[in-house]
């Protein structure tokens, strides 16, 4: 039963991590390309909340449950597929830290512009470009982690 519960938590948190990440990124990316400052401000507020509620907790739960599952299953952490998974997860988490800071900046800029009834300043677009650029390595890293977790390929160990 212990294995089942930990595995269920691991899968659930990976689903929340990826689903929240791709969902919030989709909405913030496309609304940020519009000129609707009030809607951008509202979406950015919700994206920041969702990231703190779901992504942040999943970033903690994933390694805790993952390491525990490896221990329960007797899989060494230096197994190549697992070592690559850990490294790629670290890349995604390292991208997320500045991304969430950028999202908070973008939210604050959009809220201030909406309150003032002004268009978004150039600083919003600069933050948006950096946010977008960091999203790609995070996305591809997590996709690779999903593959490695499912396939557990022999990587020349």
C-alpha atoms as a PDB file:
ATOM      1  CA  UNK A   1       0.000   0.000   0.000  1.00  0.00           C
ATOM      2  CA  UNK A   2       2.827   2.400   0.820  1.00  0.00           C
ATOM      3  CA  UNK A   3       4.294   2.033  -2.691  1.00  0.00           C
ATOM      4  CA  UNK A   4       0.881   2.604  -4.277  1.00  0.00           C
ATOM      5  CA  UNK A   5       0.234   5.794  -2.284  1.00  0.00           C
ATOM      6  CA  UNK A   6       3.682   7.260  -2.986  1.00  0.00           C
ATOM      7  CA  UNK A   7       3.462   6.380  -6.683  1.00  0.00           C
ATOM      8  CA  UNK A   8      -0.038   7.899  -6.874  1.00  0.00           C
ATOM      9  CA  UNK A   9       1.240  11.112  -5.244  1.00  0.00           C
ATOM     10  CA  UNK A  10       4.208  11.161  -7.624  1.00  0.00           C
ATOM     11  CA  UNK A  11       2.018  10.767 -10.706  1.00  0.00           C
ATOM     12  CA  UNK A  12      -0.568  13.231  -9.417  1.00  0.00           C
ATOM     13  CA  UNK A  13       2.056  15.872  -8.663  1.00  0.00           C
ATOM     14  CA  UNK A  14       3.715  15.381 -12.069  1.00  0.00           C
ATOM     15  CA  UNK A  15       0.320  15.851 -13.691  1.00  0.00           C
ATOM     16  CA  UNK A  16      -0.296  19.019 -11.692  1.00  0.00           C
ATOM     17  CA  UNK A  17       3.197  20.317 -12.433  1.00  0.00           C
ATOM     18  CA  UNK A  18       3.003  19.758 -16.171  1.00  0.00           C
ATOM     19  CA  UNK A  19      -0.691  20.562 -16.567  1.00  0.00           C
ATOM     20  CA  UNK A  20      -0.546  23.777 -14.581  1.00  0.00           C
ATOM     21  CA  UNK A  21       2.676  24.790 -16.296  1.00  0.00           C
ATOM     22  CA  UNK A  22       1.442  24.244 -19.835  1.00  0.00           C
ATOM     23  CA  UNK A  23      -2.019  25.634 -19.080  1.00  0.00           C
ATOM     24  CA  UNK A  24      -0.923  28.836 -17.406  1.00  0.00           C
ATOM     25  CA  UNK A  25       1.829  29.355 -19.981  1.00  0.00           C
ATOM     26  CA  UNK A  26      -0.709  28.974 -22.789  1.00  0.00           C
ATOM     27  CA  UNK A  27      -3.033  31.607 -21.355  1.00  0.00           C
ATOM     28  CA  UNK A  28      -0.337  34.073 -20.354  1.00  0.00           C
ATOM     29  CA  UNK A  29       1.510  33.670 -23.671  1.00  0.00           C
ATOM     30  CA  UNK A  30      -1.519  34.333 -25.849  1.00  0.00           C
ATOM     31  CA  UNK A  31      -3.111  37.058 -23.760  1.00  0.00           C
ATOM     32  CA  UNK A  32       0.245  38.850 -23.521  1.00  0.00           C
ATOM     33  CA  UNK A  33       0.274  39.135 -27.295  1.00  0.00           C
ATOM     34  CA  UNK A  34      -2.932  41.167 -27.163  1.00  0.00           C
ATOM     35  CA  UNK A  35      -3.400  44.825 -26.284  1.00  0.00           C
ATOM     36  CA  UNK A  36      -6.058  44.171 -23.638  1.00  0.00           C
ATOM     37  CA  UNK A  37      -4.215  45.457 -20.575  1.00  0.00           C
ATOM     38  CA  UNK A  38      -7.032  44.755 -18.109  1.00  0.00           C
ATOM     39  CA  UNK A  39      -7.351  41.135 -19.246  1.00  0.00           C
ATOM     40  CA  UNK A  40      -3.568  40.704 -19.240  1.00  0.00           C
ATOM     41  CA  UNK A  41      -3.502  41.974 -15.639  1.00  0.00           C
ATOM     42  CA  UNK A  42      -6.298  39.591 -14.590  1.00  0.00           C
ATOM     43  CA  UNK A  43      -4.744  36.553 -16.289  1.00  0.00           C
ATOM     44  CA  UNK A  44      -1.263  37.350 -14.941  1.00  0.00           C
ATOM     45  CA  UNK A  45      -2.692  37.537 -11.386  1.00  0.00           C
ATOM     46  CA  UNK A  46      -4.270  34.107 -11.748  1.00  0.00           C
ATOM     47  CA  UNK A  47      -1.157  32.599 -13.351  1.00  0.00           C
ATOM     48  CA  UNK A  48       0.973  33.688 -10.393  1.00  0.00           C
ATOM     49  CA  UNK A  49      -1.546  32.240  -7.932  1.00  0.00           C
ATOM     50  CA  UNK A  50      -1.757  28.947  -9.838  1.00  0.00           C
ATOM     51  CA  UNK A  51       2.018  28.669 -10.018  1.00  0.00           C
ATOM     52  CA  UNK A  52       2.405  29.145  -6.277  1.00  0.00           C
ATOM     53  CA  UNK A  53      -0.454  26.780  -5.416  1.00  0.00           C
ATOM     54  CA  UNK A  54       0.242  23.964  -7.855  1.00  0.00           C
ATOM     55  CA  UNK A  55       3.662  24.290  -9.480  1.00  0.00           C
ATOM     56  CA  UNK A  56       5.590  25.217  -6.341  1.00  0.00           C
ATOM     57  CA  UNK A  57       4.104  22.384  -4.310  1.00  0.00           C
ATOM     58  CA  UNK A  58       4.686  19.909  -7.144  1.00  0.00           C
ATOM     59  CA  UNK A  59       8.312  20.986  -7.484  1.00  0.00           C
ATOM     60  CA  UNK A  60       8.732  19.935  -3.849  1.00  0.00           C
ATOM     61  CA  UNK A  61       6.588  16.774  -3.960  1.00  0.00           C
ATOM     62  CA  UNK A  62       8.180  15.403  -7.151  1.00  0.00           C
ATOM     63  CA  UNK A  63      11.729  14.856  -5.864  1.00  0.00           C
ATOM     64  CA  UNK A  64      10.571  13.733  -2.420  1.00  0.00           C
ATOM     65  CA  UNK A  65       8.268  11.059  -3.819  1.00  0.00           C
ATOM     66  CA  UNK A  66      10.658  10.218  -6.655  1.00  0.00           C
ATOM     67  CA  UNK A  67      13.628   9.581  -4.379  1.00  0.00           C
ATOM     68  CA  UNK A  68      11.425   7.592  -2.025  1.00  0.00           C
ATOM     69  CA  UNK A  69      10.081   5.464  -4.905  1.00  0.00           C
ATOM     70  CA  UNK A  70      13.611   4.794  -6.133  1.00  0.00           C
ATOM     71  CA  UNK A  71      14.549   3.659  -2.646  1.00  0.00           C
ATOM     72  CA  UNK A  72      11.450   1.445  -2.331  1.00  0.00           C
ATOM     73  CA  UNK A  73      12.185  -0.114  -5.729  1.00  0.00           C
ATOM     74  CA  UNK A  74      15.916  -0.511  -5.095  1.00  0.00           C
ATOM     75  CA  UNK A  75      16.850   1.676  -8.068  1.00  0.00           C
ATOM     76  CA  UNK A  76      20.210   3.408  -7.604  1.00  0.00           C
ATOM     77  CA  UNK A  77      20.113   7.165  -8.137  1.00  0.00           C
ATOM     78  CA  UNK A  78      23.011   6.848 -10.556  1.00  0.00           C
ATOM     79  CA  UNK A  79      21.043   4.596 -12.916  1.00  0.00           C
ATOM     80  CA  UNK A  80      21.533   6.527 -16.176  1.00  0.00           C
ATOM     81  CA  UNK A  81      17.847   7.070 -16.998  1.00  0.00           C
ATOM     82  CA  UNK A  82      17.179   8.209 -13.437  1.00  0.00           C
ATOM     83  CA  UNK A  83      20.269  10.436 -13.275  1.00  0.00           C
ATOM     84  CA  UNK A  84      19.201  12.081 -16.536  1.00  0.00           C
ATOM     85  CA  UNK A  85      15.666  12.502 -15.166  1.00  0.00           C
ATOM     86  CA  UNK A  86      16.981  14.169 -12.026  1.00  0.00           C
ATOM     87  CA  UNK A  87      19.233  16.471 -14.047  1.00  0.00           C
ATOM     88  CA  UNK A  88      16.468  17.442 -16.460  1.00  0.00           C
ATOM     89  CA  UNK A  89      14.054  18.035 -13.587  1.00  0.00           C
ATOM     90  CA  UNK A  90      16.679  20.327 -12.038  1.00  0.00           C
ATOM     91  CA  UNK A  91      16.897  22.232 -15.343  1.00  0.00           C
ATOM     92  CA  UNK A  92      13.109  22.682 -15.387  1.00  0.00           C
ATOM     93  CA  UNK A  93      13.064  23.800 -11.745  1.00  0.00           C
ATOM     94  CA  UNK A  94      15.963  26.194 -12.352  1.00  0.00           C
ATOM     95  CA  UNK A  95      14.010  27.727 -15.245  1.00  0.00           C
ATOM     96  CA  UNK A  96      10.878  27.991 -13.136  1.00  0.00           C
ATOM     97  CA  UNK A  97      12.484  30.144 -10.436  1.00  0.00           C
ATOM     98  CA  UNK A  98      13.183  33.117 -12.731  1.00  0.00           C
ATOM     99  CA  UNK A  99       9.951  32.427 -14.632  1.00  0.00           C
ATOM    100  CA  UNK A 100       7.825  32.869 -11.534  1.00  0.00           C
ATOM    101  CA  UNK A 101       9.724  36.069 -10.666  1.00  0.00           C
ATOM    102  CA  UNK A 102       9.154  37.325 -14.224  1.00  0.00           C
ATOM    103  CA  UNK A 103       5.455  36.439 -13.949  1.00  0.00           C
ATOM    104  CA  UNK A 104       5.171  38.475 -10.767  1.00  0.00           C
ATOM    105  CA  UNK A 105       6.923  41.407 -12.484  1.00  0.00           C
ATOM    106  CA  UNK A 106       4.641  41.069 -15.509  1.00  0.00           C
ATOM    107  CA  UNK A 107       1.597  40.939 -13.236  1.00  0.00           C
ATOM    108  CA  UNK A 108       2.681  44.054 -11.349  1.00  0.00           C
ATOM    109  CA  UNK A 109       3.448  45.966 -14.553  1.00  0.00           C
ATOM    110  CA  UNK A 110       0.116  44.965 -16.126  1.00  0.00           C
ATOM    111  CA  UNK A 111      -1.876  45.797 -12.976  1.00  0.00           C
ATOM    112  CA  UNK A 112      -0.233  49.236 -12.728  1.00  0.00           C
ATOM    113  CA  UNK A 113      -0.890  49.946 -16.425  1.00  0.00           C
ATOM    114  CA  UNK A 114      -4.521  48.794 -16.127  1.00  0.00           C
ATOM    115  CA  UNK A 115      -5.109  50.986 -13.061  1.00  0.00           C
ATOM    116  CA  UNK A 116      -3.578  53.979 -14.838  1.00  0.00           C
ATOM    117  CA  UNK A 117      -5.531  53.257 -18.020  1.00  0.00           C
ATOM    118  CA  UNK A 118      -2.292  53.141 -19.999  1.00  0.00           C
ATOM    119  CA  UNK A 119      -0.861  50.652 -22.484  1.00  0.00           C
ATOM    120  CA  UNK A 120       1.763  48.178 -21.360  1.00  0.00           C
ATOM    121  CA  UNK A 121       5.221  49.728 -21.115  1.00  0.00           C
ATOM    122  CA  UNK A 122       8.209  48.228 -22.965  1.00  0.00           C
ATOM    123  CA  UNK A 123       9.378  46.581 -19.710  1.00  0.00           C
ATOM    124  CA  UNK A 124       6.415  44.197 -19.922  1.00  0.00           C
ATOM    125  CA  UNK A 125       7.517  42.997 -23.371  1.00  0.00           C
ATOM    126  CA  UNK A 126      11.129  42.569 -22.210  1.00  0.00           C
ATOM    127  CA  UNK A 127       9.993  40.438 -19.278  1.00  0.00           C
ATOM    128  CA  UNK A 128       7.630  38.540 -21.583  1.00  0.00           C
ATOM    129  CA  UNK A 129      10.461  37.678 -24.005  1.00  0.00           C
ATOM    130  CA  UNK A 130      12.673  36.398 -21.169  1.00  0.00           C
ATOM    131  CA  UNK A 131       9.719  34.456 -19.702  1.00  0.00           C
ATOM    132  CA  UNK A 132       9.039  32.857 -23.089  1.00  0.00           C
ATOM    133  CA  UNK A 133      12.700  31.984 -23.649  1.00  0.00           C
ATOM    134  CA  UNK A 134      12.917  30.235 -20.263  1.00  0.00           C
ATOM    135  CA  UNK A 135       9.717  28.321 -20.899  1.00  0.00           C
ATOM    136  CA  UNK A 136      11.126  26.275 -23.772  1.00  0.00           C
ATOM    137  CA  UNK A 137      13.958  24.517 -21.899  1.00  0.00           C
ATOM    138  CA  UNK A 138      11.580  23.856 -18.992  1.00  0.00           C
ATOM    139  CA  UNK A 139       8.961  22.359 -21.319  1.00  0.00           C
ATOM    140  CA  UNK A 140      11.388  20.142 -23.234  1.00  0.00           C
ATOM    141  CA  UNK A 141      13.122  19.053 -20.026  1.00  0.00           C
ATOM    142  CA  UNK A 142       9.839  17.898 -18.500  1.00  0.00           C
ATOM    143  CA  UNK A 143       8.801  16.139 -21.710  1.00  0.00           C
ATOM    144  CA  UNK A 144      12.115  14.265 -21.632  1.00  0.00           C
ATOM    145  CA  UNK A 145      11.597  13.392 -17.957  1.00  0.00           C
ATOM    146  CA  UNK A 146       8.181  11.936 -18.767  1.00  0.00           C
ATOM    147  CA  UNK A 147       9.748   9.826 -21.512  1.00  0.00           C
ATOM    148  CA  UNK A 148      12.554   8.618 -19.238  1.00  0.00           C
ATOM    149  CA  UNK A 149      10.141   7.774 -16.410  1.00  0.00           C
ATOM    150  CA  UNK A 150       7.912   5.723 -18.706  1.00  0.00           C
ATOM    151  CA  UNK A 151      10.512   4.086 -20.956  1.00  0.00           C
ATOM    152  CA  UNK A 152      13.381   3.686 -18.451  1.00  0.00           C
ATOM    153  CA  UNK A 153      15.723   3.201 -21.423  1.00  0.00           C
ATOM    154  CA  UNK A 154      19.070   1.511 -21.171  1.00  0.00           C
ATOM    155  CA  UNK A 155      21.424   4.429 -21.705  1.00  0.00           C
ATOM    156  CA  UNK A 156      24.603   2.422 -21.778  1.00  0.00           C
ATOM    157  CA  UNK A 157      24.870   1.680 -18.075  1.00  0.00           C
END
